[in-house]
Structure formats: C-alpha cells, structure tokens
C-alpha cells in the first residue's frame, strides 16, 4: 500500500512507544510489561491476582509468566487474600515500590514531553479519535 492506513499509523506509533519503554526499563534490568504490572498494583493494599489481567487487558498466561519473574526478582510477594481465602493478593516489596516509582516517572516524562510538543487541542482530538476507534471495535461496529 502506498498510503499509510490508520492501522499502520496506530501500530507503528505503539511499536515506537513500546520500544522506547523497553529501552528505559532495560536500563534497570526490567521490561515494559513488568513496569506496566507494577503501575497496576495498589502500592498499599496489594491487588488480587484475578483482577490484574482484566485491569490491564493481559492474557492470563503472559501475566503468570511476568508475575513469576517479578517474584523471582523480589519485586512482588504473593499472600493469601484475607477477604477471600481462594484468591491471592499481589503485593509490592520495598524494591517493587521503588521500581514502581521509577516506572511512574518514565510514564510521566513521556506524557510531559508529548504535551510540550503537541497542542492541547490536537491532543484532545487524538484522544477523541482513539476513543471512537476503541468504541467501534468494542461494540463490534466494524466486523
């Protein structure tokens, strides 16, 4: 195709963002997926393992592998959920909280740099377009 399709622009943009995040995470011996999980765990109370996958849109197999690696690296611990003995709470260790702050800083810096270089009006339009695409897909208005 000579013209770039919407699909191409979305994919190329996300691939560039993912590569950038993985390069930053790599400086700390981590990955983008690990950073994403760290940001989705409640730093005070922990988060039930069963709610993490749906919250992040991650497949159970990938999440299990990531959690196992995170536990091996000392970022998280697993504890029985006192409110529901059948489930497990994923809690951040002190090292996990430290790495969560690092990940948060990386995301905030990206956000700030984009906002410095793109007008508020353009960002608002971008978000509206992205939300419309999400709506079309989630409500099966395309296929």
N, C-alpha and C. Protein backbone atom coordinates (compact mmCIF):
# COMPACT_ATOMS: atom_id res chain seq x y z
N UNK A 1 0.83 -1.18 0.00
CA UNK A 1 0.00 0.00 0.00
C UNK A 1 0.87 1.24 0.00
N UNK A 2 0.51 2.16 -0.83
CA UNK A 2 1.28 3.40 -0.90
C UNK A 2 0.93 4.34 0.23
N UNK A 3 -0.38 4.48 0.51
CA UNK A 3 -0.82 5.36 1.60
C UNK A 3 -0.74 4.60 2.91
N UNK A 4 -0.42 5.33 3.95
CA UNK A 4 -0.39 4.71 5.27
C UNK A 4 -1.82 4.63 5.80
N UNK A 5 -2.22 3.42 6.18
CA UNK A 5 -3.56 3.23 6.72
C UNK A 5 -3.58 3.64 8.20
N UNK A 6 -4.76 3.83 8.72
CA UNK A 6 -4.91 4.16 10.14
C UNK A 6 -4.28 3.05 10.97
N UNK A 7 -4.53 1.82 10.57
CA UNK A 7 -3.95 0.67 11.26
C UNK A 7 -2.41 0.77 11.32
N UNK A 8 -1.81 1.13 10.21
CA UNK A 8 -0.35 1.26 10.15
C UNK A 8 0.15 2.33 11.12
N UNK A 9 -0.51 3.49 11.13
CA UNK A 9 -0.09 4.59 11.99
C UNK A 9 -0.21 4.18 13.46
N UNK A 10 -1.31 3.55 13.82
CA UNK A 10 -1.50 3.10 15.20
C UNK A 10 -0.42 2.09 15.61
N UNK A 11 -0.22 1.10 14.74
CA UNK A 11 0.75 0.04 15.04
C UNK A 11 2.17 0.59 15.13
N UNK A 12 2.56 1.41 14.17
CA UNK A 12 3.92 1.98 14.16
C UNK A 12 4.14 2.87 15.38
N UNK A 13 3.12 3.63 15.74
CA UNK A 13 3.24 4.50 16.91
C UNK A 13 3.40 3.67 18.17
N UNK A 14 2.52 2.66 18.34
CA UNK A 14 2.61 1.83 19.55
C UNK A 14 3.95 1.08 19.59
N UNK A 15 4.41 0.61 18.46
CA UNK A 15 5.70 -0.11 18.44
C UNK A 15 6.84 0.83 18.87
N UNK A 16 6.80 2.07 18.44
CA UNK A 16 7.83 3.04 18.83
C UNK A 16 7.77 3.32 20.33
N UNK A 17 6.55 3.48 20.86
CA UNK A 17 6.38 3.73 22.30
C UNK A 17 6.87 2.52 23.09
N UNK A 18 6.46 1.32 22.68
CA UNK A 18 6.86 0.09 23.38
C UNK A 18 8.37 -0.07 23.37
N UNK A 19 9.00 0.21 22.22
CA UNK A 19 10.46 0.10 22.12
C UNK A 19 11.13 1.08 23.07
N UNK A 20 10.62 2.32 23.10
CA UNK A 20 11.17 3.34 24.00
C UNK A 20 11.04 2.90 25.45
N UNK A 21 9.85 2.42 25.84
CA UNK A 21 9.63 1.97 27.23
C UNK A 21 10.53 0.78 27.56
N UNK A 22 10.68 -0.15 26.64
CA UNK A 22 11.54 -1.32 26.90
C UNK A 22 13.00 -0.91 27.04
N UNK A 23 13.43 0.07 26.25
CA UNK A 23 14.81 0.56 26.37
C UNK A 23 15.03 1.21 27.73
N UNK A 24 14.07 2.01 28.20
CA UNK A 24 14.17 2.65 29.51
C UNK A 24 14.14 1.61 30.62
N UNK A 25 13.23 0.65 30.52
CA UNK A 25 13.12 -0.40 31.54
C UNK A 25 14.39 -1.24 31.57
N UNK A 26 14.97 -1.47 30.39
CA UNK A 26 16.20 -2.26 30.29
C UNK A 26 17.36 -1.65 31.07
N UNK A 27 17.35 -0.34 31.21
CA UNK A 27 18.40 0.33 31.98
C UNK A 27 18.36 -0.09 33.45
N UNK A 28 17.19 -0.58 33.89
CA UNK A 28 17.03 -1.04 35.27
C UNK A 28 16.89 -2.57 35.32
N UNK A 29 17.22 -3.24 34.21
CA UNK A 29 17.12 -4.69 34.15
C UNK A 29 15.68 -5.19 34.16
N UNK A 30 14.80 -4.39 33.59
CA UNK A 30 13.38 -4.72 33.61
C UNK A 30 12.81 -4.70 32.20
N UNK A 31 11.48 -4.80 32.12
CA UNK A 31 10.78 -4.73 30.83
C UNK A 31 9.58 -3.82 30.96
N UNK A 32 9.02 -3.44 29.83
CA UNK A 32 7.82 -2.62 29.82
C UNK A 32 6.68 -3.36 30.50
N UNK A 33 6.53 -4.66 30.24
CA UNK A 33 5.45 -5.45 30.83
C UNK A 33 5.54 -5.43 32.36
N UNK A 34 6.75 -5.55 32.89
CA UNK A 34 6.94 -5.51 34.34
C UNK A 34 6.54 -4.14 34.89
N UNK A 35 6.97 -3.08 34.22
CA UNK A 35 6.61 -1.73 34.64
C UNK A 35 5.11 -1.52 34.63
N UNK A 36 4.45 -2.05 33.62
CA UNK A 36 3.01 -1.92 33.48
C UNK A 36 2.30 -2.62 34.64
N UNK A 37 2.78 -3.81 35.00
CA UNK A 37 2.19 -4.54 36.12
C UNK A 37 2.44 -3.77 37.42
N UNK A 38 3.66 -3.28 37.62
CA UNK A 38 3.97 -2.52 38.83
C UNK A 38 3.02 -1.34 39.01
N UNK A 39 2.70 -0.66 37.92
CA UNK A 39 1.83 0.51 37.98
C UNK A 39 0.37 0.15 38.26
N UNK A 40 0.01 -1.11 38.06
CA UNK A 40 -1.37 -1.55 38.26
C UNK A 40 -1.60 -2.29 39.58
N UNK A 41 -0.56 -2.37 40.41
CA UNK A 41 -0.71 -3.00 41.72
C UNK A 41 -0.85 -1.89 42.76
N UNK A 42 -1.87 -1.98 43.59
CA UNK A 42 -2.06 -0.99 44.65
C UNK A 42 -0.85 -1.05 45.58
N UNK A 43 -0.11 0.06 45.69
CA UNK A 43 1.13 0.03 46.48
C UNK A 43 0.92 -0.14 47.98
N UNK A 44 -0.29 0.12 48.46
CA UNK A 44 -0.56 0.00 49.90
C UNK A 44 -1.23 -1.33 50.27
N UNK A 45 -2.29 -1.66 49.55
CA UNK A 45 -3.09 -2.85 49.91
C UNK A 45 -2.78 -4.09 49.08
N UNK A 46 -2.10 -3.91 47.97
CA UNK A 46 -1.93 -5.03 47.05
C UNK A 46 -3.15 -5.14 46.15
N UNK A 47 -3.09 -6.06 45.21
CA UNK A 47 -4.18 -6.24 44.24
C UNK A 47 -4.42 -7.73 44.05
N UNK A 48 -5.69 -8.17 44.07
CA UNK A 48 -5.98 -9.58 43.82
C UNK A 48 -5.46 -9.99 42.44
N UNK A 49 -4.79 -11.12 42.39
CA UNK A 49 -4.21 -11.57 41.11
C UNK A 49 -5.28 -11.72 40.04
N UNK A 50 -6.49 -12.11 40.42
CA UNK A 50 -7.55 -12.32 39.44
C UNK A 50 -8.03 -11.02 38.79
N UNK A 51 -7.81 -9.88 39.44
CA UNK A 51 -8.27 -8.63 38.83
C UNK A 51 -7.18 -7.95 38.01
N UNK A 52 -5.93 -8.41 38.13
CA UNK A 52 -4.83 -7.77 37.39
C UNK A 52 -4.96 -7.94 35.88
N UNK A 53 -5.18 -9.16 35.42
CA UNK A 53 -5.27 -9.43 33.98
C UNK A 53 -6.31 -8.58 33.29
N UNK A 54 -7.57 -8.65 33.75
CA UNK A 54 -8.62 -7.85 33.12
C UNK A 54 -8.34 -6.34 33.20
N UNK A 55 -7.76 -5.90 34.31
CA UNK A 55 -7.47 -4.48 34.51
C UNK A 55 -6.48 -3.98 33.47
N UNK A 56 -5.55 -4.86 33.04
CA UNK A 56 -4.50 -4.46 32.11
C UNK A 56 -4.74 -4.96 30.69
N UNK A 57 -5.76 -5.79 30.50
CA UNK A 57 -6.00 -6.36 29.18
C UNK A 57 -4.91 -7.35 28.78
N UNK A 58 -4.40 -8.07 29.77
CA UNK A 58 -3.29 -9.01 29.54
C UNK A 58 -3.81 -10.44 29.65
N UNK A 59 -3.33 -11.31 28.79
CA UNK A 59 -3.70 -12.72 28.84
C UNK A 59 -3.16 -13.35 30.11
N UNK A 60 -3.90 -14.32 30.67
CA UNK A 60 -3.51 -14.97 31.92
C UNK A 60 -2.13 -15.62 31.84
N UNK A 61 -1.82 -16.26 30.71
CA UNK A 61 -0.53 -16.94 30.55
C UNK A 61 0.63 -15.95 30.61
N UNK A 62 0.51 -14.85 29.88
CA UNK A 62 1.56 -13.82 29.89
C UNK A 62 1.70 -13.21 31.27
N UNK A 63 0.57 -12.95 31.91
CA UNK A 63 0.60 -12.35 33.24
C UNK A 63 1.26 -13.30 34.24
N UNK A 64 0.92 -14.57 34.18
CA UNK A 64 1.52 -15.56 35.11
C UNK A 64 3.03 -15.59 34.96
N UNK A 65 3.48 -15.59 33.72
CA UNK A 65 4.93 -15.61 33.46
C UNK A 65 5.59 -14.35 34.00
N UNK A 66 4.96 -13.20 33.76
CA UNK A 66 5.51 -11.92 34.23
C UNK A 66 5.53 -11.88 35.76
N UNK A 67 4.45 -12.34 36.41
CA UNK A 67 4.40 -12.34 37.87
C UNK A 67 5.47 -13.27 38.47
N UNK A 68 5.67 -14.41 37.82
CA UNK A 68 6.70 -15.35 38.30
C UNK A 68 8.07 -14.68 38.26
N UNK A 69 8.39 -14.04 37.15
CA UNK A 69 9.67 -13.34 37.00
C UNK A 69 9.79 -12.22 38.03
N UNK A 70 8.71 -11.48 38.23
CA UNK A 70 8.73 -10.38 39.19
C UNK A 70 8.97 -10.89 40.61
N UNK A 71 8.39 -12.04 40.93
CA UNK A 71 8.59 -12.61 42.26
C UNK A 71 10.05 -13.08 42.42
N UNK A 72 10.59 -13.68 41.36
CA UNK A 72 11.98 -14.13 41.40
C UNK A 72 12.95 -12.96 41.58
N UNK A 73 12.59 -11.79 41.02
CA UNK A 73 13.44 -10.60 41.12
C UNK A 73 13.21 -9.83 42.42
N UNK A 74 12.26 -10.29 43.23
CA UNK A 74 11.99 -9.64 44.51
C UNK A 74 11.16 -8.38 44.42
N UNK A 75 10.38 -8.24 43.35
CA UNK A 75 9.54 -7.06 43.18
C UNK A 75 8.17 -7.21 43.86
N UNK A 76 7.70 -8.45 43.92
CA UNK A 76 6.36 -8.71 44.49
C UNK A 76 6.41 -9.91 45.42
N UNK A 77 5.36 -10.00 46.24
CA UNK A 77 5.14 -11.21 47.03
C UNK A 77 3.68 -11.60 46.82
N UNK A 78 3.39 -12.85 47.07
CA UNK A 78 2.01 -13.34 46.95
C UNK A 78 1.55 -13.72 48.34
N UNK A 79 0.38 -13.23 48.71
CA UNK A 79 -0.18 -13.54 50.03
C UNK A 79 -1.63 -13.95 49.88
N UNK A 80 -2.08 -14.81 50.78
CA UNK A 80 -3.48 -15.22 50.75
C UNK A 80 -4.33 -13.97 51.00
N UNK A 81 -5.40 -13.83 50.25
CA UNK A 81 -6.31 -12.69 50.39
C UNK A 81 -7.16 -12.89 51.64
N UNK A 82 -7.03 -12.00 52.65
CA UNK A 82 -7.79 -12.17 53.88
C UNK A 82 -9.31 -12.05 53.68
N UNK A 83 -9.72 -11.36 52.62
CA UNK A 83 -11.14 -11.18 52.34
C UNK A 83 -11.73 -12.33 51.54
N UNK A 84 -10.86 -13.10 50.86
CA UNK A 84 -11.31 -14.22 50.04
C UNK A 84 -10.18 -15.24 50.01
N UNK A 85 -10.29 -16.24 50.86
CA UNK A 85 -9.24 -17.25 51.00
C UNK A 85 -8.90 -18.00 49.73
N UNK A 86 -9.76 -17.92 48.72
CA UNK A 86 -9.49 -18.64 47.47
C UNK A 86 -8.57 -17.86 46.55
N UNK A 87 -8.42 -16.56 46.80
CA UNK A 87 -7.58 -15.77 45.89
C UNK A 87 -6.30 -15.31 46.57
N UNK A 88 -5.40 -14.80 45.74
CA UNK A 88 -4.08 -14.37 46.19
C UNK A 88 -3.94 -12.87 45.95
N UNK A 89 -3.36 -12.19 46.91
CA UNK A 89 -3.05 -10.77 46.75
C UNK A 89 -1.62 -10.63 46.26
N UNK A 90 -1.43 -9.81 45.26
CA UNK A 90 -0.09 -9.50 44.78
C UNK A 90 0.30 -8.20 45.48
N UNK A 91 1.39 -8.25 46.24
CA UNK A 91 1.84 -7.06 46.98
C UNK A 91 3.23 -6.68 46.52
N UNK A 92 3.50 -5.38 46.53
CA UNK A 92 4.81 -4.88 46.17
C UNK A 92 5.75 -4.98 47.36
N UNK A 93 6.97 -5.41 47.10
CA UNK A 93 8.00 -5.37 48.12
C UNK A 93 8.55 -3.94 48.15
N UNK A 94 9.46 -3.66 49.05
CA UNK A 94 10.07 -2.32 49.07
C UNK A 94 10.76 -2.05 47.74
N UNK A 95 11.46 -3.08 47.21
CA UNK A 95 12.13 -2.95 45.90
C UNK A 95 11.07 -2.73 44.81
N UNK A 96 9.95 -3.43 44.90
CA UNK A 96 8.87 -3.26 43.93
C UNK A 96 8.30 -1.85 43.95
N UNK A 97 8.16 -1.29 45.16
CA UNK A 97 7.66 0.09 45.28
C UNK A 97 8.65 1.08 44.68
N UNK A 98 9.94 0.80 44.88
CA UNK A 98 10.99 1.66 44.31
C UNK A 98 10.92 1.62 42.78
N UNK A 99 10.80 0.42 42.23
CA UNK A 99 10.73 0.27 40.77
C UNK A 99 9.42 0.82 40.21
N UNK A 100 8.35 0.76 41.01
CA UNK A 100 7.07 1.34 40.60
C UNK A 100 7.24 2.84 40.43
N UNK A 101 7.93 3.48 41.35
CA UNK A 101 8.16 4.93 41.26
C UNK A 101 9.00 5.26 40.02
N UNK A 102 9.99 4.41 39.73
CA UNK A 102 10.81 4.62 38.53
C UNK A 102 9.92 4.54 37.28
N UNK A 103 9.08 3.49 37.22
CA UNK A 103 8.18 3.30 36.07
C UNK A 103 7.23 4.47 35.93
N UNK A 104 6.70 4.93 37.05
CA UNK A 104 5.78 6.06 37.06
C UNK A 104 6.48 7.30 36.49
N UNK A 105 7.73 7.52 36.88
CA UNK A 105 8.49 8.65 36.37
C UNK A 105 8.70 8.59 34.87
N UNK A 106 8.94 7.39 34.35
CA UNK A 106 9.14 7.21 32.91
C UNK A 106 7.86 7.58 32.16
N UNK A 107 6.73 7.11 32.66
CA UNK A 107 5.44 7.39 32.01
C UNK A 107 5.12 8.88 32.08
N UNK A 108 5.36 9.49 33.22
CA UNK A 108 5.08 10.92 33.39
C UNK A 108 5.96 11.76 32.47
N UNK A 109 7.24 11.39 32.34
CA UNK A 109 8.14 12.13 31.46
C UNK A 109 7.67 12.05 30.01
N UNK A 110 7.27 10.85 29.58
CA UNK A 110 6.75 10.68 28.22
C UNK A 110 5.54 11.59 28.02
N UNK A 111 4.61 11.54 28.97
CA UNK A 111 3.39 12.35 28.90
C UNK A 111 3.72 13.84 28.80
N UNK A 112 4.64 14.30 29.65
CA UNK A 112 5.02 15.72 29.65
C UNK A 112 5.65 16.14 28.33
N UNK A 113 6.56 15.30 27.79
CA UNK A 113 7.23 15.64 26.53
C UNK A 113 6.23 15.72 25.38
N UNK A 114 5.28 14.79 25.35
CA UNK A 114 4.26 14.83 24.30
C UNK A 114 3.44 16.11 24.43
N UNK A 115 3.04 16.44 25.66
CA UNK A 115 2.24 17.65 25.89
C UNK A 115 3.00 18.93 25.56
N UNK A 116 4.32 18.91 25.70
CA UNK A 116 5.14 20.08 25.34
C UNK A 116 5.19 20.28 23.83
N UNK A 117 5.02 19.21 23.08
CA UNK A 117 5.21 19.26 21.64
C UNK A 117 3.93 19.17 20.81
N UNK A 118 2.81 18.94 21.46
CA UNK A 118 1.54 18.83 20.75
C UNK A 118 0.53 19.72 21.47
N UNK A 119 -0.20 20.50 20.71
CA UNK A 119 -1.17 21.42 21.33
C UNK A 119 -2.26 20.64 22.07
N UNK A 120 -2.85 21.32 23.05
CA UNK A 120 -3.93 20.72 23.82
C UNK A 120 -5.09 20.34 22.92
N UNK A 121 -5.35 21.19 21.95
CA UNK A 121 -6.45 20.93 21.02
C UNK A 121 -6.19 19.66 20.20
N UNK A 122 -4.95 19.52 19.69
CA UNK A 122 -4.61 18.32 18.92
C UNK A 122 -4.66 17.07 19.79
N UNK A 123 -4.19 17.18 21.03
CA UNK A 123 -4.24 16.02 21.94
C UNK A 123 -5.69 15.63 22.23
N UNK A 124 -6.54 16.63 22.42
CA UNK A 124 -7.96 16.36 22.68
C UNK A 124 -8.56 15.62 21.49
N UNK A 125 -8.24 16.08 20.29
CA UNK A 125 -8.74 15.42 19.07
C UNK A 125 -8.20 14.00 18.97
N UNK A 126 -6.92 13.82 19.25
CA UNK A 126 -6.30 12.50 19.21
C UNK A 126 -7.03 11.54 20.16
N UNK A 127 -7.30 12.00 21.38
CA UNK A 127 -7.96 11.15 22.37
C UNK A 127 -9.39 10.83 21.93
N UNK A 128 -10.07 11.80 21.36
CA UNK A 128 -11.42 11.56 20.85
C UNK A 128 -11.41 10.52 19.72
N UNK A 129 -10.45 10.64 18.81
CA UNK A 129 -10.33 9.69 17.71
C UNK A 129 -10.02 8.29 18.25
N UNK A 130 -9.07 8.20 19.17
CA UNK A 130 -8.71 6.90 19.76
C UNK A 130 -9.91 6.28 20.46
N UNK A 131 -10.66 7.08 21.21
CA UNK A 131 -11.85 6.56 21.90
C UNK A 131 -12.91 6.09 20.92
N UNK A 132 -13.06 6.79 19.81
CA UNK A 132 -14.02 6.37 18.79
C UNK A 132 -13.59 5.03 18.18
N UNK A 133 -12.31 4.87 17.92
CA UNK A 133 -11.81 3.60 17.37
C UNK A 133 -12.05 2.46 18.37
N UNK A 134 -11.76 2.73 19.65
CA UNK A 134 -11.99 1.72 20.69
C UNK A 134 -13.47 1.35 20.73
N UNK A 135 -14.35 2.35 20.66
CA UNK A 135 -15.78 2.11 20.68
C UNK A 135 -16.23 1.28 19.47
N UNK A 136 -15.73 1.62 18.29
CA UNK A 136 -16.09 0.86 17.09
C UNK A 136 -15.69 -0.60 17.22
N UNK A 137 -14.51 -0.84 17.79
CA UNK A 137 -14.03 -2.21 17.93
C UNK A 137 -14.80 -2.94 19.03
N UNK A 138 -14.91 -2.31 20.22
CA UNK A 138 -15.57 -2.99 21.35
C UNK A 138 -17.03 -3.29 21.09
N UNK A 139 -17.68 -2.43 20.36
CA UNK A 139 -19.11 -2.65 20.09
C UNK A 139 -19.33 -3.36 18.76
N UNK A 140 -18.26 -3.95 18.24
CA UNK A 140 -18.33 -4.76 17.01
C UNK A 140 -19.04 -4.04 15.87
N UNK A 141 -18.67 -2.77 15.69
CA UNK A 141 -19.27 -1.96 14.63
C UNK A 141 -18.45 -2.04 13.34
N UNK A 142 -17.37 -2.79 13.36
CA UNK A 142 -16.55 -2.94 12.15
C UNK A 142 -16.72 -4.35 11.59
N UNK A 143 -16.50 -5.33 12.42
CA UNK A 143 -16.64 -6.75 12.00
C UNK A 143 -17.58 -7.47 12.92
